[in-house]
Every structure is written in C-alpha cells, then in structure tokens.
Amino acid sequence: MIDGRQRKNIQIGLFVEIVQKPHQRSGELTSGKVAKILTKSPNHPYGIKVRLESGLVGRVKNIITLQKS
C-alpha cells in the first residue's frame, strides 16, 4: 500500500481518499482527485493535506490505484 503520509507519493491528478477535519473522529472518508497539495513538508504523521477538484480539503488516508486484471 502506498503511504499517504509521504509527500513524494502524492501527485496532482491522483485518486485518493481523504478525511476532512470535521470527520476526523468518525474517520469518514471522501474520495476524489487531487487538485493541489497543501502540505509543504516532506511527510506528516496524519497524512498529507490536499485540496480535491471538488474543493474539499483533508488529509490523505488512502491512494487509490487502479489494477489491471
């Protein structure tokens, strides 16, 4: 699994699942495409903060990879 806590693993255009600030306790995930990477440091213990194309902001929990079968 690709680590969402490392900035080098996140690229604009990737499909990811994020946790928004109001949903941190419940852990509710929102999926979307990365529009902008907001975290400047190379890593973050809770996940790299991104803005999705939908405008939602949150920390990356999962990077969605499409596997060819």
PDB file of N, CA and C in Angstrom:
ATOM      1  N   MET A   1       0.841  -1.185   0.000  1.00  0.00           N
ATOM      2  CA  MET A   1       0.000   0.000   0.000  1.00  0.00           C
ATOM      3  C   MET A   1       0.886   1.249   0.000  1.00  0.00           C
ATOM      4  N   ILE A   2       0.509   2.232  -0.773  1.00  0.00           N
ATOM      5  CA  ILE A   2       1.273   3.470  -0.873  1.00  0.00           C
ATOM      6  C   ILE A   2       0.951   4.349   0.334  1.00  0.00           C
ATOM      7  N   ASP A   3       1.989   4.937   0.915  1.00  0.00           N
ATOM      8  CA  ASP A   3       1.860   5.710   2.150  1.00  0.00           C
ATOM      9  C   ASP A   3       1.400   7.141   1.866  1.00  0.00           C
ATOM     10  N   GLY A   4       0.224   7.503   2.383  1.00  0.00           N
ATOM     11  CA  GLY A   4      -0.320   8.850   2.219  1.00  0.00           C
ATOM     12  C   GLY A   4       0.298   9.866   3.151  1.00  0.00           C
ATOM     13  N   ARG A   5       1.270   9.437   3.966  1.00  0.00           N
ATOM     14  CA  ARG A   5       1.950  10.358   4.876  1.00  0.00           C
ATOM     15  C   ARG A   5       3.222  10.923   4.263  1.00  0.00           C
ATOM     16  N   GLN A   6       3.598  10.434   3.077  1.00  0.00           N
ATOM     17  CA  GLN A   6       4.801  10.893   2.383  1.00  0.00           C
ATOM     18  C   GLN A   6       4.398  11.765   1.192  1.00  0.00           C
ATOM     19  N   ARG A   7       4.890  13.000   1.170  1.00  0.00           N
ATOM     20  CA  ARG A   7       4.524  13.939   0.106  1.00  0.00           C
ATOM     21  C   ARG A   7       4.952  13.429  -1.275  1.00  0.00           C
ATOM     22  N   LYS A   8       6.068  12.714  -1.324  1.00  0.00           N
ATOM     23  CA  LYS A   8       6.579  12.217  -2.616  1.00  0.00           C
ATOM     24  C   LYS A   8       5.621  11.232  -3.287  1.00  0.00           C
ATOM     25  N   ASN A   9       4.716  10.628  -2.509  1.00  0.00           N
ATOM     26  CA  ASN A   9       3.763   9.658  -3.057  1.00  0.00           C
ATOM     27  C   ASN A   9       2.495  10.303  -3.613  1.00  0.00           C
ATOM     28  N   ILE A  10       2.311  11.596  -3.360  1.00  0.00           N
ATOM     29  CA  ILE A  10       1.090  12.297  -3.768  1.00  0.00           C
ATOM     30  C   ILE A  10       1.396  13.152  -4.996  1.00  0.00           C
ATOM     31  N   GLN A  11       0.554  13.048  -6.002  1.00  0.00           N
ATOM     32  CA  GLN A  11       0.709  13.858  -7.208  1.00  0.00           C
ATOM     33  C   GLN A  11      -0.647  14.428  -7.599  1.00  0.00           C
ATOM     34  N   ILE A  12      -0.611  15.577  -8.230  1.00  0.00           N
ATOM     35  CA  ILE A  12      -1.844  16.178  -8.732  1.00  0.00           C
ATOM     36  C   ILE A  12      -2.436  15.233  -9.777  1.00  0.00           C
ATOM     37  N   GLY A  13      -3.747  14.991  -9.662  1.00  0.00           N
ATOM     38  CA  GLY A  13      -4.430  14.099 -10.588  1.00  0.00           C
ATOM     39  C   GLY A  13      -4.657  12.697 -10.047  1.00  0.00           C
ATOM     40  N   LEU A  14      -4.004  12.349  -8.937  1.00  0.00           N
ATOM     41  CA  LEU A  14      -4.209  11.022  -8.340  1.00  0.00           C
ATOM     42  C   LEU A  14      -5.575  10.936  -7.679  1.00  0.00           C
ATOM     43  N   PHE A  15      -6.164   9.748  -7.701  1.00  0.00           N
ATOM     44  CA  PHE A  15      -7.394   9.500  -6.956  1.00  0.00           C
ATOM     45  C   PHE A  15      -7.008   9.068  -5.548  1.00  0.00           C
ATOM     46  N   VAL A  16      -7.575   9.749  -4.552  1.00  0.00           N
ATOM     47  CA  VAL A  16      -7.248   9.476  -3.152  1.00  0.00           C
ATOM     48  C   VAL A  16      -8.512   9.470  -2.308  1.00  0.00           C
ATOM     49  N   GLU A  17      -8.371   8.962  -1.090  1.00  0.00           N
ATOM     50  CA  GLU A  17      -9.419   9.067  -0.081  1.00  0.00           C
ATOM     51  C   GLU A  17      -8.865   9.935   1.036  1.00  0.00           C
ATOM     52  N   ILE A  18      -9.646  10.941   1.431  1.00  0.00           N
ATOM     53  CA  ILE A  18      -9.207  11.866   2.476  1.00  0.00           C
ATOM     54  C   ILE A  18     -10.169  11.831   3.657  1.00  0.00           C
ATOM     55  N   VAL A  19      -9.669  12.312   4.790  1.00  0.00           N
ATOM     56  CA  VAL A  19     -10.516  12.570   5.952  1.00  0.00           C
ATOM     57  C   VAL A  19     -10.542  14.078   6.127  1.00  0.00           C
ATOM     58  N   GLN A  20     -11.740  14.656   6.089  1.00  0.00           N
ATOM     59  CA  GLN A  20     -11.900  16.085   6.313  1.00  0.00           C
ATOM     60  C   GLN A  20     -11.831  16.374   7.809  1.00  0.00           C
ATOM     61  N   LYS A  21     -11.492  17.597   8.176  1.00  0.00           N
ATOM     62  CA  LYS A  21     -11.354  17.990   9.580  1.00  0.00           C
ATOM     63  C   LYS A  21     -12.589  17.628  10.417  1.00  0.00           C
ATOM     64  N   PRO A  22     -13.812  17.936   9.977  1.00  0.00           N
ATOM     65  CA  PRO A  22     -14.979  17.602  10.809  1.00  0.00           C
ATOM     66  C   PRO A  22     -15.222  16.098  10.967  1.00  0.00           C
ATOM     67  N   HIS A  23     -14.603  15.284  10.121  1.00  0.00           N
ATOM     68  CA  HIS A  23     -14.838  13.839  10.149  1.00  0.00           C
ATOM     69  C   HIS A  23     -13.673  13.055  10.750  1.00  0.00           C
ATOM     70  N   GLN A  24     -12.740  13.756  11.401  1.00  0.00           N
ATOM     71  CA  GLN A  24     -11.573  13.061  11.944  1.00  0.00           C
ATOM     72  C   GLN A  24     -11.958  12.029  12.997  1.00  0.00           C
ATOM     73  N   ARG A  25     -12.934  12.342  13.835  1.00  0.00           N
ATOM     74  CA  ARG A  25     -13.336  11.399  14.891  1.00  0.00           C
ATOM     75  C   ARG A  25     -14.028  10.173  14.314  1.00  0.00           C
ATOM     76  N   SER A  26     -14.906  10.380  13.331  1.00  0.00           N
ATOM     77  CA  SER A  26     -15.649   9.252  12.753  1.00  0.00           C
ATOM     78  C   SER A  26     -14.805   8.485  11.734  1.00  0.00           C
ATOM     79  N   GLY A  27     -13.813   9.158  11.149  1.00  0.00           N
ATOM     80  CA  GLY A  27     -12.974   8.511  10.141  1.00  0.00           C
ATOM     81  C   GLY A  27     -13.639   8.397   8.782  1.00  0.00           C
ATOM     82  N   GLU A  28     -14.738   9.143   8.584  1.00  0.00           N
ATOM     83  CA  GLU A  28     -15.460   9.097   7.304  1.00  0.00           C
ATOM     84  C   GLU A  28     -14.549   9.555   6.169  1.00  0.00           C
ATOM     85  N   LEU A  29     -14.458   8.728   5.133  1.00  0.00           N
ATOM     86  CA  LEU A  29     -13.576   9.017   4.004  1.00  0.00           C
ATOM     87  C   LEU A  29     -14.344   9.637   2.845  1.00  0.00           C
ATOM     88  N   THR A  30     -13.674  10.544   2.144  1.00  0.00           N
ATOM     89  CA  THR A  30     -14.210  11.172   0.945  1.00  0.00           C
ATOM     90  C   THR A  30     -13.202  10.926  -0.170  1.00  0.00           C
ATOM     91  N   SER A  31     -13.669  10.466  -1.317  1.00  0.00           N
ATOM     92  CA  SER A  31     -12.735  10.192  -2.411  1.00  0.00           C
ATOM     93  C   SER A  31     -12.819  11.288  -3.462  1.00  0.00           C
ATOM     94  N   GLY A  32     -11.728  11.455  -4.173  1.00  0.00           N
ATOM     95  CA  GLY A  32     -11.680  12.453  -5.229  1.00  0.00           C
ATOM     96  C   GLY A  32     -10.297  12.534  -5.837  1.00  0.00           C
ATOM     97  N   LYS A  33     -10.157  13.479  -6.754  1.00  0.00           N
ATOM     98  CA  LYS A  33      -8.915  13.674  -7.493  1.00  0.00           C
ATOM     99  C   LYS A  33      -8.170  14.875  -6.909  1.00  0.00           C
ATOM    100  N   VAL A  34      -6.870  14.724  -6.679  1.00  0.00           N
ATOM    101  CA  VAL A  34      -6.055  15.783  -6.083  1.00  0.00           C
ATOM    102  C   VAL A  34      -5.917  16.952  -7.058  1.00  0.00           C
ATOM    103  N   ALA A  35      -6.282  18.153  -6.579  1.00  0.00           N
ATOM    104  CA  ALA A  35      -6.118  19.366  -7.374  1.00  0.00           C
ATOM    105  C   ALA A  35      -4.888  20.148  -6.921  1.00  0.00           C
ATOM    106  N   LYS A  36      -4.594  20.103  -5.599  1.00  0.00           N
ATOM    107  CA  LYS A  36      -3.466  20.855  -5.059  1.00  0.00           C
ATOM    108  C   LYS A  36      -2.961  20.171  -3.799  1.00  0.00           C
ATOM    109  N   ILE A  37      -1.645  20.141  -3.632  1.00  0.00           N
ATOM    110  CA  ILE A  37      -1.026  19.610  -2.417  1.00  0.00           C
ATOM    111  C   ILE A  37      -0.767  20.796  -1.497  1.00  0.00           C
ATOM    112  N   LEU A  38      -1.325  20.747  -0.286  1.00  0.00           N
ATOM    113  CA  LEU A  38      -1.240  21.879   0.629  1.00  0.00           C
ATOM    114  C   LEU A  38      -0.117  21.747   1.659  1.00  0.00           C
ATOM    115  N   THR A  39       0.265  20.531   2.019  1.00  0.00           N
ATOM    116  CA  THR A  39       1.345  20.324   2.986  1.00  0.00           C
ATOM    117  C   THR A  39       2.682  20.569   2.303  1.00  0.00           C
ATOM    118  N   LYS A  40       3.509  21.406   2.919  1.00  0.00           N
ATOM    119  CA  LYS A  40       4.814  21.741   2.334  1.00  0.00           C
ATOM    120  C   LYS A  40       5.917  20.783   2.773  1.00  0.00           C
ATOM    121  N   SER A  41       5.793  20.201   3.970  1.00  0.00           N
ATOM    122  CA  SER A  41       6.849  19.323   4.485  1.00  0.00           C
ATOM    123  C   SER A  41       6.852  17.988   3.735  1.00  0.00           C
ATOM    124  N   PRO A  42       7.981  17.268   3.743  1.00  0.00           N
ATOM    125  CA  PRO A  42       8.072  16.008   3.000  1.00  0.00           C
ATOM    126  C   PRO A  42       7.217  14.880   3.567  1.00  0.00           C
ATOM    127  N   ASN A  43       6.836  14.983   4.842  1.00  0.00           N
ATOM    128  CA  ASN A  43       5.952  13.974   5.432  1.00  0.00           C
ATOM    129  C   ASN A  43       5.144  14.591   6.566  1.00  0.00           C
ATOM    130  N   HIS A  44       4.068  13.910   6.944  1.00  0.00           N
ATOM    131  CA  HIS A  44       3.208  14.365   8.037  1.00  0.00           C
ATOM    132  C   HIS A  44       2.617  13.128   8.700  1.00  0.00           C
ATOM    133  N   PRO A  45       2.637  13.057  10.039  1.00  0.00           N
ATOM    134  CA  PRO A  45       2.183  11.840  10.725  1.00  0.00           C
ATOM    135  C   PRO A  45       0.713  11.490  10.507  1.00  0.00           C
ATOM    136  N   TYR A  46      -0.131  12.470  10.186  1.00  0.00           N
ATOM    137  CA  TYR A  46      -1.565  12.204   9.999  1.00  0.00           C
ATOM    138  C   TYR A  46      -1.980  12.182   8.539  1.00  0.00           C
ATOM    139  N   GLY A  47      -1.041  12.378   7.627  1.00  0.00           N
ATOM    140  CA  GLY A  47      -1.351  12.376   6.202  1.00  0.00           C
ATOM    141  C   GLY A  47      -1.119  13.738   5.575  1.00  0.00           C
ATOM    142  N   ILE A  48      -0.788  13.742   4.320  1.00  0.00           N
ATOM    143  CA  ILE A  48      -0.538  14.974   3.571  1.00  0.00           C
ATOM    144  C   ILE A  48      -1.871  15.655   3.285  1.00  0.00           C
ATOM    145  N   LYS A  49      -1.928  16.960   3.557  1.00  0.00           N
ATOM    146  CA  LYS A  49      -3.162  17.713   3.328  1.00  0.00           C
ATOM    147  C   LYS A  49      -3.247  18.114   1.858  1.00  0.00           C
ATOM    148  N   VAL A  50      -4.416  17.848   1.255  1.00  0.00           N
ATOM    149  CA  VAL A  50      -4.638  18.162  -0.157  1.00  0.00           C
ATOM    150  C   VAL A  50      -6.004  18.824  -0.340  1.00  0.00           C
ATOM    151  N   ARG A  51      -6.148  19.497  -1.484  1.00  0.00           N
ATOM    152  CA  ARG A  51      -7.454  20.005  -1.911  1.00  0.00           C
ATOM    153  C   ARG A  51      -7.865  19.164  -3.107  1.00  0.00           C
ATOM    154  N   LEU A  52      -9.078  18.639  -3.055  1.00  0.00           N
ATOM    155  CA  LEU A  52      -9.602  17.851  -4.168  1.00  0.00           C
ATOM    156  C   LEU A  52     -10.171  18.773  -5.235  1.00  0.00           C
ATOM    157  N   GLU A  53     -10.423  18.242  -6.421  1.00  0.00           N
ATOM    158  CA  GLU A  53     -11.020  19.034  -7.503  1.00  0.00           C
ATOM    159  C   GLU A  53     -12.391  19.562  -7.114  1.00  0.00           C
ATOM    160  N   SER A  54     -13.060  18.876  -6.181  1.00  0.00           N
ATOM    161  CA  SER A  54     -14.375  19.318  -5.705  1.00  0.00           C
ATOM    162  C   SER A  54     -14.267  20.496  -4.737  1.00  0.00           C
ATOM    163  N   GLY A  55     -13.037  20.842  -4.317  1.00  0.00           N
ATOM    164  CA  GLY A  55     -12.830  21.947  -3.389  1.00  0.00           C
ATOM    165  C   GLY A  55     -12.696  21.509  -1.941  1.00  0.00           C
ATOM    166  N   LEU A  56     -12.972  20.243  -1.653  1.00  0.00           N
ATOM    167  CA  LEU A  56     -12.860  19.737  -0.286  1.00  0.00           C
ATOM    168  C   LEU A  56     -11.392  19.587   0.098  1.00  0.00           C
ATOM    169  N   VAL A  57     -11.100  19.838   1.389  1.00  0.00           N
ATOM    170  CA  VAL A  57      -9.734  19.757   1.899  1.00  0.00           C
ATOM    171  C   VAL A  57      -9.674  18.704   2.989  1.00  0.00           C
ATOM    172  N   GLY A  58      -8.620  17.907   2.975  1.00  0.00           N
ATOM    173  CA  GLY A  58      -8.441  16.904   4.019  1.00  0.00           C
ATOM    174  C   GLY A  58      -7.085  16.239   3.902  1.00  0.00           C
ATOM    175  N   ARG A  59      -6.838  15.302   4.812  1.00  0.00           N
ATOM    176  CA  ARG A  59      -5.567  14.579   4.837  1.00  0.00           C
ATOM    177  C   ARG A  59      -5.718  13.219   4.162  1.00  0.00           C
ATOM    178  N   VAL A  60      -4.749  12.869   3.329  1.00  0.00           N
ATOM    179  CA  VAL A  60      -4.796  11.628   2.552  1.00  0.00           C
ATOM    180  C   VAL A  60      -4.664  10.423   3.478  1.00  0.00           C
ATOM    181  N   LYS A  61      -5.619   9.518   3.374  1.00  0.00           N
ATOM    182  CA  LYS A  61      -5.582   8.256   4.119  1.00  0.00           C
ATOM    183  C   LYS A  61      -5.268   7.090   3.198  1.00  0.00           C
ATOM    184  N   ASN A  62      -5.774   7.131   1.984  1.00  0.00           N
ATOM    185  CA  ASN A  62      -5.533   6.052   1.016  1.00  0.00           C
ATOM    186  C   ASN A  62      -5.291   6.647  -0.361  1.00  0.00           C
ATOM    187  N   ILE A  63      -4.394   6.014  -1.103  1.00  0.00           N
ATOM    188  CA  ILE A  63      -4.185   6.365  -2.502  1.00  0.00           C
ATOM    189  C   ILE A  63      -4.805   5.240  -3.318  1.00  0.00           C
ATOM    190  N   ILE A  64      -5.746   5.600  -4.179  1.00  0.00           N
ATOM    191  CA  ILE A  64      -6.486   4.601  -4.953  1.00  0.00           C
ATOM    192  C   ILE A  64      -5.699   4.284  -6.216  1.00  0.00           C
ATOM    193  N   THR A  65      -5.301   3.027  -6.336  1.00  0.00           N
ATOM    194  CA  THR A  65      -4.571   2.592  -7.528  1.00  0.00           C
ATOM    195  C   THR A  65      -5.467   1.661  -8.325  1.00  0.00           C
ATOM    196  N   LEU A  66      -5.517   1.887  -9.605  1.00  0.00           N
ATOM    197  CA  LEU A  66      -6.315   1.039 -10.487  1.00  0.00           C
ATOM    198  C   LEU A  66      -5.442  -0.108 -10.956  1.00  0.00           C
ATOM    199  N   GLN A  67      -5.870  -1.330 -10.643  1.00  0.00           N
ATOM    200  CA  GLN A  67      -5.097  -2.505 -11.028  1.00  0.00           C
ATOM    201  C   GLN A  67      -5.687  -3.113 -12.293  1.00  0.00           C
ATOM    202  N   LYS A  68      -4.816  -3.435 -13.237  1.00  0.00           N
ATOM    203  CA  LYS A  68      -5.261  -4.091 -14.468  1.00  0.00           C
ATOM    204  C   LYS A  68      -5.341  -5.585 -14.209  1.00  0.00           C
ATOM    205  N   SER A  69      -6.443  -6.201 -14.666  1.00  0.00           N
ATOM    206  CA  SER A  69      -6.575  -7.648 -14.454  1.00  0.00           C
ATOM    207  C   SER A  69      -6.378  -8.424 -15.729  1.00  0.00           C
TER     208      SER A  69
END
